[in-house]
Amino acid sequence: MEKLRVGVIGLGVGRKHIDAYQAHPSAEVVKISDISNDRLQEVVREYPETEGVSDPNEILDDNRIDVVSIASYDNYHCEQILQGLNNEKNVYVEKPMCLFDHEARSIRTLLSLKPELQLSSNLVLRTCPRFIRLKEAIASGEMGDIYSIQANYLWGRKHKLTDGWRKDMKFYSIIHGAAVHMIDLVVWITDMLPLEVKAYGNQISTRNSGMRYNDYASILLKYETGLIAEVSVHGGCVHPHFHDVRVYGTESTFINGIERGIWIDSENHNIRSIKENYPAKAERGNTIRSFVDSIVDKSLQPIVRADDIFNAMSICFAAERAVHKNANVRIEYI
């Protein structure tokens, strides 16, 4: 079987995409594109087997390319996804998939007409062994009934908000761009969808910087079971990049803390160290590996399915509305 021919758009985090595809025996990156010509030429020198093009349309419209990997700025994602799907390409996209719910609906509609194509995204916390073990513990009933989850994304990358492209966008959402990771994690580990959301946001950390959008959000998710999940995202915090996750069940507690990860058993309050690895960055390429596997073998599902992306984005859209309405918002799944 011939290898899948891949084009990568955006060469910031897109470099990681290239490495993941090149490591797969069934894929080869043949074209790359970036808005910066200097960066494009630098990456072409690093990957001389690829062709560098300044116009991403030369990837999206190339009928020899089977897969397009989109790592461009957030506001380009929707248009490039639609163009790729219309041109019969499987699409892998950086989060967020898009910025507005009407865009997500357009993507969903087109994808429904292209059942042979795969759409996936980099919701990479699903690949972390520590969180995989947590999901297993919840599913098996080992933790009892889960009644509270606290999932705090300590981004710790203020400069990306004050100095980068995000502050210059017509619309940027810290919820869509960062909290989406924690929202997807909560949905994935519980295998449940929340019904309702309440959310607040502020822009204290980056005020007077030229950044015009919230850099912090606090989100409450309500479930039919009574479970309450608290998700927060700290875009401008003074803190190492970290995923602070605490899950409280009637039989045990899981804490992924900055010092160490622990289990606490309710019977004797015994504290055990979590053995599984975190953050396991080397595993993150598995989202792309499984995406390629699912294209080669139609019986396989990628780690991040299209439905997973739409569910996470539906919650994000509702949370963003809740911030602006200062009211509880019922989540409408796309």
C-alpha atoms as a PDB file:
ATOM      1  CA  MET A   1       0.000   0.000   0.000  1.00  0.00           C
ATOM      2  CA  GLU A   2       1.261   3.469  -0.877  1.00  0.00           C
ATOM      3  CA  LYS A   3       1.869   5.856   1.974  1.00  0.00           C
ATOM      4  CA  LEU A   4      -0.665   8.568   2.761  1.00  0.00           C
ATOM      5  CA  ARG A   5       0.585  11.907   1.475  1.00  0.00           C
ATOM      6  CA  VAL A   6       0.336  14.612   4.136  1.00  0.00           C
ATOM      7  CA  GLY A   7       0.394  18.404   4.028  1.00  0.00           C
ATOM      8  CA  VAL A   8       0.982  20.464   7.181  1.00  0.00           C
ATOM      9  CA  ILE A   9      -0.226  24.073   7.494  1.00  0.00           C
ATOM     10  CA  GLY A  10       1.369  26.131  10.266  1.00  0.00           C
ATOM     11  CA  LEU A  11       4.843  25.306  11.511  1.00  0.00           C
ATOM     12  CA  GLY A  12       4.787  26.312  15.155  1.00  0.00           C
ATOM     13  CA  VAL A  13       3.268  23.281  16.860  1.00  0.00           C
ATOM     14  CA  GLY A  14       2.941  21.938  13.312  1.00  0.00           C
ATOM     15  CA  ARG A  15       6.563  20.746  13.610  1.00  0.00           C
ATOM     16  CA  LYS A  16       5.320  18.201  16.146  1.00  0.00           C
ATOM     17  CA  HIS A  17       2.747  17.103  13.560  1.00  0.00           C
ATOM     18  CA  ILE A  18       5.501  16.485  11.024  1.00  0.00           C
ATOM     19  CA  ASP A  19       7.436  14.312  13.460  1.00  0.00           C
ATOM     20  CA  ALA A  20       4.344  12.251  14.312  1.00  0.00           C
ATOM     21  CA  TYR A  21       3.455  11.608  10.668  1.00  0.00           C
ATOM     22  CA  GLN A  22       7.041  10.826   9.696  1.00  0.00           C
ATOM     23  CA  ALA A  23       7.214   8.274  12.508  1.00  0.00           C
ATOM     24  CA  HIS A  24       4.200   6.414  11.080  1.00  0.00           C
ATOM     25  CA  PRO A  25       5.035   3.719   8.500  1.00  0.00           C
ATOM     26  CA  SER A  26       1.918   4.552   6.460  1.00  0.00           C
ATOM     27  CA  ALA A  27       2.394   8.316   6.127  1.00  0.00           C
ATOM     28  CA  GLU A  28       4.811  10.811   4.624  1.00  0.00           C
ATOM     29  CA  VAL A  29       4.776  14.602   4.819  1.00  0.00           C
ATOM     30  CA  VAL A  30       5.215  16.001   1.322  1.00  0.00           C
ATOM     31  CA  LYS A  31       4.203  19.679   1.624  1.00  0.00           C
ATOM     32  CA  ILE A  32       4.390  22.256   4.389  1.00  0.00           C
ATOM     33  CA  SER A  33       3.261  25.864   4.649  1.00  0.00           C
ATOM     34  CA  ASP A  34       3.623  28.783   7.055  1.00  0.00           C
ATOM     35  CA  ILE A  35       2.667  32.445   7.157  1.00  0.00           C
ATOM     36  CA  SER A  36       6.322  33.302   7.920  1.00  0.00           C
ATOM     37  CA  ASN A  37       8.695  32.703   5.035  1.00  0.00           C
ATOM     38  CA  ASP A  38      11.684  32.642   7.395  1.00  0.00           C
ATOM     39  CA  ARG A  39      10.098  29.898   9.484  1.00  0.00           C
ATOM     40  CA  LEU A  40       9.048  28.026   6.356  1.00  0.00           C
ATOM     41  CA  GLN A  41      12.578  27.984   4.976  1.00  0.00           C
ATOM     42  CA  GLU A  42      13.977  26.962   8.361  1.00  0.00           C
ATOM     43  CA  VAL A  43      11.652  23.954   8.564  1.00  0.00           C
ATOM     44  CA  VAL A  44      12.293  22.969   4.940  1.00  0.00           C
ATOM     45  CA  ARG A  45      15.991  22.832   5.782  1.00  0.00           C
ATOM     46  CA  GLU A  46      15.131  20.656   8.772  1.00  0.00           C
ATOM     47  CA  TYR A  47      12.921  18.379   6.649  1.00  0.00           C
ATOM     48  CA  PRO A  48      14.486  18.525   3.162  1.00  0.00           C
ATOM     49  CA  GLU A  49      12.176  15.801   1.830  1.00  0.00           C
ATOM     50  CA  THR A  50       9.243  18.230   2.063  1.00  0.00           C
ATOM     51  CA  GLU A  51       8.190  20.985  -0.338  1.00  0.00           C
ATOM     52  CA  GLY A  52       7.647  24.384   1.243  1.00  0.00           C
ATOM     53  CA  VAL A  53       4.830  26.578  -0.100  1.00  0.00           C
ATOM     54  CA  SER A  54       3.784  30.012   1.147  1.00  0.00           C
ATOM     55  CA  ASP A  55       0.125  29.614   0.121  1.00  0.00           C
ATOM     56  CA  PRO A  56      -1.788  26.984   2.145  1.00  0.00           C
ATOM     57  CA  ASN A  57      -4.179  26.599  -0.793  1.00  0.00           C
ATOM     58  CA  GLU A  58      -1.380  24.741  -2.574  1.00  0.00           C
ATOM     59  CA  ILE A  59      -1.858  22.057   0.067  1.00  0.00           C
ATOM     60  CA  LEU A  60      -5.649  22.236   0.436  1.00  0.00           C
ATOM     61  CA  ASP A  61      -6.244  22.101  -3.342  1.00  0.00           C
ATOM     62  CA  ASP A  62      -3.577  19.529  -4.205  1.00  0.00           C
ATOM     63  CA  ASN A  63      -5.430  16.380  -5.285  1.00  0.00           C
ATOM     64  CA  ARG A  64      -2.320  14.286  -4.611  1.00  0.00           C
ATOM     65  CA  ILE A  65      -2.543  14.982  -0.878  1.00  0.00           C
ATOM     66  CA  ASP A  66      -4.634  12.611   1.252  1.00  0.00           C
ATOM     67  CA  VAL A  67      -4.308  14.265   4.670  1.00  0.00           C
ATOM     68  CA  VAL A  68      -4.094  17.888   5.730  1.00  0.00           C
ATOM     69  CA  SER A  69      -2.890  18.805   9.212  1.00  0.00           C
ATOM     70  CA  ILE A  70      -4.012  22.277  10.271  1.00  0.00           C
ATOM     71  CA  ALA A  71      -1.922  24.142  12.837  1.00  0.00           C
ATOM     72  CA  SER A  72      -2.616  27.675  11.627  1.00  0.00           C
ATOM     73  CA  TYR A  73      -4.053  30.520  13.725  1.00  0.00           C
ATOM     74  CA  ASP A  74      -7.455  29.787  15.268  1.00  0.00           C
ATOM     75  CA  ASN A  75      -9.418  32.071  12.964  1.00  0.00           C
ATOM     76  CA  TYR A  76      -8.298  30.124   9.872  1.00  0.00           C
ATOM     77  CA  HIS A  77      -9.327  26.678  11.112  1.00  0.00           C
ATOM     78  CA  CYS A  78     -12.943  26.564   9.951  1.00  0.00           C
ATOM     79  CA  GLU A  79     -12.267  27.757   6.404  1.00  0.00           C
ATOM     80  CA  GLN A  80      -9.331  25.376   6.003  1.00  0.00           C
ATOM     81  CA  ILE A  81     -11.256  22.397   7.418  1.00  0.00           C
ATOM     82  CA  LEU A  82     -14.152  23.001   5.020  1.00  0.00           C
ATOM     83  CA  GLN A  83     -11.801  23.425   2.061  1.00  0.00           C
ATOM     84  CA  GLY A  84      -9.933  20.263   2.983  1.00  0.00           C
ATOM     85  CA  LEU A  85     -13.089  18.182   3.361  1.00  0.00           C
ATOM     86  CA  ASN A  86     -14.531  19.552   0.141  1.00  0.00           C
ATOM     87  CA  ASN A  87     -11.327  18.432  -1.577  1.00  0.00           C
ATOM     88  CA  GLU A  88     -11.685  14.886  -0.167  1.00  0.00           C
ATOM     89  CA  LYS A  89      -8.953  15.196   2.435  1.00  0.00           C
ATOM     90  CA  ASN A  90      -8.853  13.684   5.892  1.00  0.00           C
ATOM     91  CA  VAL A  91      -8.307  16.513   8.373  1.00  0.00           C
ATOM     92  CA  TYR A  92      -6.416  16.761  11.644  1.00  0.00           C
ATOM     93  CA  VAL A  93      -6.772  20.168  13.300  1.00  0.00           C
ATOM     94  CA  GLU A  94      -5.256  21.896  16.300  1.00  0.00           C
ATOM     95  CA  LYS A  95      -7.706  23.001  18.952  1.00  0.00           C
ATOM     96  CA  PRO A  96      -9.977  24.807  18.832  1.00  0.00           C
ATOM     97  CA  MET A  97     -11.642  23.278  15.808  1.00  0.00           C
ATOM     98  CA  CYS A  98     -13.335  26.631  15.165  1.00  0.00           C
ATOM     99  CA  LEU A  99     -14.456  29.787  16.963  1.00  0.00           C
ATOM    100  CA  PHE A 100     -18.250  29.916  16.547  1.00  0.00           C
ATOM    101  CA  ASP A 101     -21.106  27.449  16.758  1.00  0.00           C
ATOM    102  CA  HIS A 102     -22.360  28.257  13.250  1.00  0.00           C
ATOM    103  CA  GLU A 103     -18.908  27.262  11.953  1.00  0.00           C
ATOM    104  CA  ALA A 104     -19.086  23.959  13.829  1.00  0.00           C
ATOM    105  CA  ARG A 105     -22.513  23.272  12.345  1.00  0.00           C
ATOM    106  CA  SER A 106     -21.166  23.904   8.833  1.00  0.00           C
ATOM    107  CA  ILE A 107     -18.318  21.472   9.462  1.00  0.00           C
ATOM    108  CA  ARG A 108     -20.705  18.882  10.932  1.00  0.00           C
ATOM    109  CA  THR A 109     -23.027  19.153   7.923  1.00  0.00           C
ATOM    110  CA  LEU A 110     -20.231  18.762   5.389  1.00  0.00           C
ATOM    111  CA  LEU A 111     -18.635  15.904   7.305  1.00  0.00           C
ATOM    112  CA  SER A 112     -21.959  14.041   7.309  1.00  0.00           C
ATOM    113  CA  LEU A 113     -21.799  14.097   3.512  1.00  0.00           C
ATOM    114  CA  LYS A 114     -18.254  12.680   3.557  1.00  0.00           C
ATOM    115  CA  PRO A 115     -18.514   9.544   5.748  1.00  0.00           C
ATOM    116  CA  GLU A 116     -15.350   8.122   4.194  1.00  0.00           C
ATOM    117  CA  LEU A 117     -13.232  10.961   5.639  1.00  0.00           C
ATOM    118  CA  GLN A 118     -11.793  11.271   9.141  1.00  0.00           C
ATOM    119  CA  LEU A 119     -11.696  14.427  11.248  1.00  0.00           C
ATOM    120  CA  SER A 120      -9.580  14.456  14.418  1.00  0.00           C
ATOM    121  CA  SER A 121      -7.913  16.951  16.748  1.00  0.00           C
ATOM    122  CA  ASN A 122      -5.099  17.324  19.279  1.00  0.00           C
ATOM    123  CA  LEU A 123      -7.030  16.773  22.508  1.00  0.00           C
ATOM    124  CA  VAL A 124      -3.850  15.191  23.771  1.00  0.00           C
ATOM    125  CA  LEU A 125      -4.612  14.725  27.472  1.00  0.00           C
ATOM    126  CA  ARG A 126      -6.349  11.507  26.408  1.00  0.00           C
ATOM    127  CA  THR A 127      -2.916  10.022  25.728  1.00  0.00           C
ATOM    128  CA  CYS A 128      -1.482  10.643  29.213  1.00  0.00           C
ATOM    129  CA  PRO A 129      -1.041   7.329  31.116  1.00  0.00           C
ATOM    130  CA  ARG A 130      -1.987   8.968  34.425  1.00  0.00           C
ATOM    131  CA  PHE A 131      -5.334  10.151  33.072  1.00  0.00           C
ATOM    132  CA  ILE A 132      -5.924   6.847  31.265  1.00  0.00           C
ATOM    133  CA  ARG A 133      -5.580   5.110  34.645  1.00  0.00           C
ATOM    134  CA  LEU A 134      -7.994   7.639  36.188  1.00  0.00           C
ATOM    135  CA  LYS A 135     -10.564   6.935  33.472  1.00  0.00           C
ATOM    136  CA  GLU A 136     -10.249   3.192  34.129  1.00  0.00           C
ATOM    137  CA  ALA A 137     -10.711   3.712  37.877  1.00  0.00           C
ATOM    138  CA  ILE A 138     -13.903   5.714  37.326  1.00  0.00           C
ATOM    139  CA  ALA A 139     -15.320   3.241  34.784  1.00  0.00           C
ATOM    140  CA  SER A 140     -14.649   0.200  37.000  1.00  0.00           C
ATOM    141  CA  GLY A 141     -16.383   1.741  40.009  1.00  0.00           C
ATOM    142  CA  GLU A 142     -13.131   1.641  41.975  1.00  0.00           C
ATOM    143  CA  MET A 143     -13.645   5.269  43.043  1.00  0.00           C
ATOM    144  CA  GLY A 144     -17.303   4.797  43.907  1.00  0.00           C
ATOM    145  CA  ASP A 145     -19.722   7.515  42.813  1.00  0.00           C
ATOM    146  CA  ILE A 146     -17.977  10.605  41.445  1.00  0.00           C
ATOM    147  CA  TYR A 147     -19.516  13.748  42.898  1.00  0.00           C
ATOM    148  CA  SER A 148     -16.906  16.466  42.247  1.00  0.00           C
ATOM    149  CA  ILE A 149     -14.163  17.159  39.713  1.00  0.00           C
ATOM    150  CA  GLN A 150     -11.804  20.119  39.758  1.00  0.00           C
ATOM    151  CA  ALA A 151      -9.778  20.532  36.576  1.00  0.00           C
ATOM    152  CA  ASN A 152      -7.543  23.589  36.489  1.00  0.00           C
ATOM    153  CA  TYR A 153      -5.462  24.398  33.432  1.00  0.00           C
ATOM    154  CA  LEU A 154      -2.512  26.450  34.647  1.00  0.00           C
ATOM    155  CA  TRP A 155      -1.273  27.634  31.273  1.00  0.00           C
ATOM    156  CA  GLY A 156       1.495  29.883  32.596  1.00  0.00           C
ATOM    157  CA  ARG A 157       2.194  31.385  29.184  1.00  0.00           C
ATOM    158  CA  LYS A 158       1.174  35.003  29.541  1.00  0.00           C
ATOM    159  CA  HIS A 159       3.527  36.118  26.780  1.00  0.00           C
ATOM    160  CA  LYS A 160       1.521  34.151  24.220  1.00  0.00           C
ATOM    161  CA  LEU A 161      -1.476  36.344  25.032  1.00  0.00           C
ATOM    162  CA  THR A 162       0.296  39.688  25.270  1.00  0.00           C
ATOM    163  CA  ASP A 163       2.926  39.327  22.529  1.00  0.00           C
ATOM    164  CA  GLY A 164       1.503  36.820  20.075  1.00  0.00           C
ATOM    165  CA  TRP A 165      -1.174  36.667  17.410  1.00  0.00           C
ATOM    166  CA  ARG A 166      -4.011  36.015  19.885  1.00  0.00           C
ATOM    167  CA  LYS A 167      -4.292  39.654  20.992  1.00  0.00           C
ATOM    168  CA  ASP A 168      -4.622  40.791  17.368  1.00  0.00           C
ATOM    169  CA  MET A 169      -7.504  38.488  16.416  1.00  0.00           C
ATOM    170  CA  LYS A 170     -10.997  39.910  15.904  1.00  0.00           C
ATOM    171  CA  PHE A 171     -12.137  37.358  18.472  1.00  0.00           C
ATOM    172  CA  TYR A 172     -10.152  35.138  20.789  1.00  0.00           C
ATOM    173  CA  SER A 173     -11.502  32.825  23.489  1.00  0.00           C
ATOM    174  CA  ILE A 174      -9.366  31.448  26.309  1.00  0.00           C
ATOM    175  CA  ILE A 175     -12.162  28.900  26.753  1.00  0.00           C
ATOM    176  CA  HIS A 176     -12.001  27.651  23.162  1.00  0.00           C
ATOM    177  CA  GLY A 177      -8.225  27.872  22.965  1.00  0.00           C
ATOM    178  CA  ALA A 178      -7.199  26.424  26.337  1.00  0.00           C
ATOM    179  CA  ALA A 179     -10.064  25.338  28.635  1.00  0.00           C
ATOM    180  CA  VAL A 180     -11.166  22.974  25.857  1.00  0.00           C
ATOM    181  CA  HIS A 181      -8.392  20.581  26.946  1.00  0.00           C
ATOM    182  CA  MET A 182      -9.795  20.288  30.470  1.00  0.00           C
ATOM    183  CA  ILE A 183     -13.395  20.199  29.278  1.00  0.00           C
ATOM    184  CA  ASP A 184     -12.598  17.308  26.962  1.00  0.00           C
ATOM    185  CA  LEU A 185     -10.661  15.551  29.734  1.00  0.00           C
ATOM    186  CA  VAL A 186     -13.628  15.747  32.114  1.00  0.00           C
ATOM    187  CA  VAL A 187     -16.030  14.445  29.463  1.00  0.00           C
ATOM    188  CA  TRP A 188     -13.645  11.647  28.494  1.00  0.00           C
ATOM    189  CA  ILE A 189     -12.797  10.360  31.980  1.00  0.00           C
ATOM    190  CA  THR A 190     -16.456  10.328  33.055  1.00  0.00           C
ATOM    191  CA  ASP A 191     -17.911   9.198  29.722  1.00  0.00           C
ATOM    192  CA  MET A 192     -20.773  11.614  30.393  1.00  0.00           C
ATOM    193  CA  LEU A 193     -21.937  14.882  28.880  1.00  0.00           C
ATOM    194  CA  PRO A 194     -22.912  17.812  31.132  1.00  0.00           C
ATOM    195  CA  LEU A 195     -26.342  19.374  30.772  1.00  0.00           C
ATOM    196  CA  GLU A 196     -25.772  22.953  31.858  1.00  0.00           C
ATOM    197  CA  VAL A 197     -22.972  25.459  32.358  1.00  0.00           C
ATOM    198  CA  LYS A 198     -22.351  28.579  34.426  1.00  0.00           C
ATOM    199  CA  ALA A 199     -19.186  30.576  33.800  1.00  0.00           C
ATOM    200  CA  TYR A 200     -17.307  33.738  34.662  1.00  0.00           C
ATOM    201  CA  GLY A 201     -14.215  35.353  33.206  1.00  0.00           C
ATOM    202  CA  ASN A 202     -11.850  38.257  33.728  1.00  0.00           C
ATOM    203  CA  GLN A 203      -8.875  39.959  32.153  1.00  0.00           C
ATOM    204  CA  ILE A 204      -6.873  41.058  35.161  1.00  0.00           C
ATOM    205  CA  SER A 205      -3.586  39.261  34.452  1.00  0.00           C
ATOM    206  CA  THR A 206      -3.087  40.897  31.066  1.00  0.00           C
ATOM    207  CA  ARG A 207      -4.785  44.275  31.522  1.00  0.00           C
ATOM    208  CA  ASN A 208      -3.004  47.278  29.990  1.00  0.00           C
ATOM    209  CA  SER A 209      -1.077  44.902  27.714  1.00  0.00           C
ATOM    210  CA  GLY A 210      -3.060  45.324  24.502  1.00  0.00           C
ATOM    211  CA  MET A 211      -4.790  41.984  25.025  1.00  0.00           C
ATOM    212  CA  ARG A 212      -8.532  42.595  24.642  1.00  0.00           C
ATOM    213  CA  TYR A 213      -9.997  39.291  25.752  1.00  0.00           C
ATOM    214  CA  ASN A 214     -10.410  37.349  28.971  1.00  0.00           C
ATOM    215  CA  ASP A 215      -7.285  35.532  30.107  1.00  0.00           C
ATOM    216  CA  TYR A 216      -9.077  33.642  32.900  1.00  0.00           C
ATOM    217  CA  ALA A 217     -12.333  31.685  33.031  1.00  0.00           C
ATOM    218  CA  SER A 218     -14.066  29.652  35.718  1.00  0.00           C
ATOM    219  CA  ILE A 219     -16.643  27.155  34.465  1.00  0.00           C
ATOM    220  CA  LEU A 220     -19.186  25.051  36.383  1.00  0.00           C
ATOM    221  CA  LEU A 221     -20.597  22.004  34.594  1.00  0.00           C
ATOM    222  CA  LYS A 222     -23.751  20.309  35.928  1.00  0.00           C
ATOM    223  CA  TYR A 223     -24.523  16.644  35.193  1.00  0.00           C
ATOM    224  CA  GLU A 224     -27.708  14.606  35.360  1.00  0.00           C
ATOM    225  CA  THR A 225     -26.139  12.403  38.066  1.00  0.00           C
ATOM    226  CA  GLY A 226     -25.605  15.432  40.310  1.00  0.00           C
ATOM    227  CA  LEU A 227     -21.875  15.548  39.565  1.00  0.00           C
ATOM    228  CA  ILE A 228     -20.445  19.070  39.488  1.00  0.00           C
ATOM    229  CA  ALA A 229     -17.256  19.677  37.515  1.00  0.00           C
ATOM    230  CA  GLU A 230     -15.299  22.876  38.029  1.00  0.00           C
ATOM    231  CA  VAL A 231     -13.020  23.777  35.128  1.00  0.00           C
ATOM    232  CA  SER A 232     -10.761  26.806  35.223  1.00  0.00           C
ATOM    233  CA  VAL A 233      -8.175  28.146  32.803  1.00  0.00           C
ATOM    234  CA  HIS A 234      -5.422  30.547  33.892  1.00  0.00           C
ATOM    235  CA  GLY A 235      -3.870  32.090  30.803  1.00  0.00           C
ATOM    236  CA  GLY A 236      -1.719  34.625  32.629  1.00  0.00           C
ATOM    237  CA  CYS A 237      -0.882  32.821  35.863  1.00  0.00           C
ATOM    238  CA  VAL A 238       2.536  32.858  37.522  1.00  0.00           C
ATOM    239  CA  HIS A 239       2.905  29.099  37.568  1.00  0.00           C
ATOM    240  CA  PRO A 240       4.545  26.287  35.606  1.00  0.00           C
ATOM    241  CA  HIS A 241       2.458  24.843  32.791  1.00  0.00           C
ATOM    242  CA  PHE A 242       0.370  22.229  34.588  1.00  0.00           C
ATOM    243  CA  HIS A 243      -2.918  20.294  34.611  1.00  0.00           C
ATOM    244  CA  ASP A 244      -4.195  20.310  38.194  1.00  0.00           C
ATOM    245  CA  VAL A 245      -6.859  17.587  38.322  1.00  0.00           C
ATOM    246  CA  ARG A 246      -8.742  16.468  41.436  1.00  0.00           C
ATOM    247  CA  VAL A 247     -11.491  13.859  41.303  1.00  0.00           C
ATOM    248  CA  TYR A 248     -13.557  13.067  44.390  1.00  0.00           C
ATOM    249  CA  GLY A 249     -15.467   9.802  44.642  1.00  0.00           C
ATOM    250  CA  THR A 250     -17.262   8.132  47.509  1.00  0.00           C
ATOM    251  CA  GLU A 251     -14.523   5.468  47.719  1.00  0.00           C
ATOM    252  CA  SER A 252     -11.325   7.310  46.804  1.00  0.00           C
ATOM    253  CA  THR A 253      -9.793  10.597  45.711  1.00  0.00           C
ATOM    254  CA  PHE A 254      -7.380  11.269  42.837  1.00  0.00           C
ATOM    255  CA  ILE A 255      -5.102  14.304  42.970  1.00  0.00           C
ATOM    256  CA  ASN A 256      -2.684  15.307  40.229  1.00  0.00           C
ATOM    257  CA  GLY A 257      -0.876  17.990  42.221  1.00  0.00           C
ATOM    258  CA  ILE A 258       2.171  20.057  41.388  1.00  0.00           C
ATOM    259  CA  GLU A 259       4.344  18.236  43.946  1.00  0.00           C
ATOM    260  CA  ARG A 260       3.130  14.714  43.164  1.00  0.00           C
ATOM    261  CA  GLY A 261       0.112  12.686  42.133  1.00  0.00           C
ATOM    262  CA  ILE A 262      -1.696  10.698  44.818  1.00  0.00           C
ATOM    263  CA  TRP A 263      -4.620   8.369  45.457  1.00  0.00           C
ATOM    264  CA  ILE A 264      -6.380   8.606  48.819  1.00  0.00           C
ATOM    265  CA  ASP A 265      -8.387   5.516  49.852  1.00  0.00           C
ATOM    266  CA  SER A 266     -11.441   6.220  51.987  1.00  0.00           C
ATOM    267  CA  GLU A 267     -11.325   3.066  54.125  1.00  0.00           C
ATOM    268  CA  ASN A 268      -8.083   3.950  55.933  1.00  0.00           C
ATOM    269  CA  HIS A 269      -7.192   7.299  54.380  1.00  0.00           C
ATOM    270  CA  ASN A 270      -4.098   5.610  52.999  1.00  0.00           C
ATOM    271  CA  ILE A 271      -2.169   7.861  50.620  1.00  0.00           C
ATOM    272  CA  ARG A 272      -0.589   6.139  47.622  1.00  0.00           C
ATOM    273  CA  SER A 273       1.611   7.728  44.983  1.00  0.00           C
ATOM    274  CA  ILE A 274       0.307   7.573  41.425  1.00  0.00           C
ATOM    275  CA  LYS A 275       2.655   5.384  39.399  1.00  0.00           C
ATOM    276  CA  GLU A 276       1.558   6.314  35.890  1.00  0.00           C
ATOM    277  CA  ASN A 277       3.543   8.931  33.990  1.00  0.00           C
ATOM    278  CA  TYR A 278       2.614  12.621  33.602  1.00  0.00           C
ATOM    279  CA  PRO A 279       2.773  14.751  31.480  1.00  0.00           C
ATOM    280  CA  ALA A 280       4.019  12.055  29.076  1.00  0.00           C
ATOM    281  CA  LYS A 281       4.638  14.452  26.202  1.00  0.00           C
ATOM    282  CA  ALA A 282       6.167  11.651  24.150  1.00  0.00           C
ATOM    283  CA  GLU A 283       2.748   9.989  24.056  1.00  0.00           C
ATOM    284  CA  ARG A 284       0.962  12.977  22.538  1.00  0.00           C
ATOM    285  CA  GLY A 285       1.824  11.997  18.998  1.00  0.00           C
ATOM    286  CA  ASN A 286      -0.484   9.014  19.509  1.00  0.00           C
ATOM    287  CA  THR A 287      -3.467  11.180  18.557  1.00  0.00           C
ATOM    288  CA  ILE A 288      -1.957  11.539  15.074  1.00  0.00           C
ATOM    289  CA  ARG A 289      -0.806   7.902  15.002  1.00  0.00           C
ATOM    290  CA  SER A 290      -4.337   6.669  15.751  1.00  0.00           C
ATOM    291  CA  PHE A 291      -5.764   9.166  13.247  1.00  0.00           C
ATOM    292  CA  VAL A 292      -3.566   7.711  10.491  1.00  0.00           C
ATOM    293  CA  ASP A 293      -4.415   4.167  11.627  1.00  0.00           C
ATOM    294  CA  SER A 294      -8.129   4.943  11.292  1.00  0.00           C
ATOM    295  CA  ILE A 295      -7.637   6.141   7.710  1.00  0.00           C
ATOM    296  CA  VAL A 296      -5.644   3.067   6.732  1.00  0.00           C
ATOM    297  CA  ASP A 297      -8.008   0.651   8.512  1.00  0.00           C
ATOM    298  CA  LYS A 298     -11.622   1.826   8.455  1.00  0.00           C
ATOM    299  CA  SER A 299     -12.511  -0.555  11.289  1.00  0.00           C
ATOM    300  CA  LEU A 300     -10.410   1.500  13.723  1.00  0.00           C
ATOM    301  CA  GLN A 301     -11.383   4.667  15.574  1.00  0.00           C
ATOM    302  CA  PRO A 302      -8.940   7.494  16.326  1.00  0.00           C
ATOM    303  CA  ILE A 303      -8.282   8.405  19.947  1.00  0.00           C
ATOM    304  CA  VAL A 304     -10.119  11.671  19.249  1.00  0.00           C
ATOM    305  CA  ARG A 305     -13.209  11.106  17.121  1.00  0.00           C
ATOM    306  CA  ALA A 306     -15.177  13.788  15.302  1.00  0.00           C
ATOM    307  CA  ASP A 307     -18.024  13.389  17.813  1.00  0.00           C
ATOM    308  CA  ASP A 308     -15.595  14.072  20.661  1.00  0.00           C
ATOM    309  CA  ILE A 309     -14.519  17.346  19.057  1.00  0.00           C
ATOM    310  CA  PHE A 310     -18.082  18.535  18.485  1.00  0.00           C
ATOM    311  CA  ASN A 311     -19.057  17.653  22.057  1.00  0.00           C
ATOM    312  CA  ALA A 312     -16.121  19.563  23.546  1.00  0.00           C
ATOM    313  CA  MET A 313     -16.742  22.581  21.326  1.00  0.00           C
ATOM    314  CA  SER A 314     -20.475  22.568  22.129  1.00  0.00           C
ATOM    315  CA  ILE A 315     -19.612  22.897  25.818  1.00  0.00           C
ATOM    316  CA  CYS A 316     -17.094  25.649  25.041  1.00  0.00           C
ATOM    317  CA  PHE A 317     -19.653  27.626  23.049  1.00  0.00           C
ATOM    318  CA  ALA A 318     -22.172  27.342  25.892  1.00  0.00           C
ATOM    319  CA  ALA A 319     -19.531  28.389  28.450  1.00  0.00           C
ATOM    320  CA  GLU A 320     -18.582  31.446  26.390  1.00  0.00           C
ATOM    321  CA  ARG A 321     -22.268  32.411  26.172  1.00  0.00           C
ATOM    322  CA  ALA A 322     -22.618  31.931  29.931  1.00  0.00           C
ATOM    323  CA  VAL A 323     -19.745  34.361  30.553  1.00  0.00           C
ATOM    324  CA  HIS A 324     -21.345  37.066  28.444  1.00  0.00           C
ATOM    325  CA  LYS A 325     -24.932  36.465  29.595  1.00  0.00           C
ATOM    326  CA  ASN A 326     -24.010  36.064  33.281  1.00  0.00           C
ATOM    327  CA  ALA A 327     -26.555  33.237  33.402  1.00  0.00           C
ATOM    328  CA  ASN A 328     -26.849  29.473  33.393  1.00  0.00           C
ATOM    329  CA  VAL A 329     -26.839  28.133  29.839  1.00  0.00           C
ATOM    330  CA  ARG A 330     -28.251  24.831  28.670  1.00  0.00           C
ATOM    331  CA  ILE A 331     -25.726  23.057  26.448  1.00  0.00           C
ATOM    332  CA  GLU A 332     -26.910  22.391  22.894  1.00  0.00           C
ATOM    333  CA  TYR A 333     -24.824  19.598  21.365  1.00  0.00           C
ATOM    334  CA  ILE A 334     -23.996  19.950  17.694  1.00  0.00           C
END
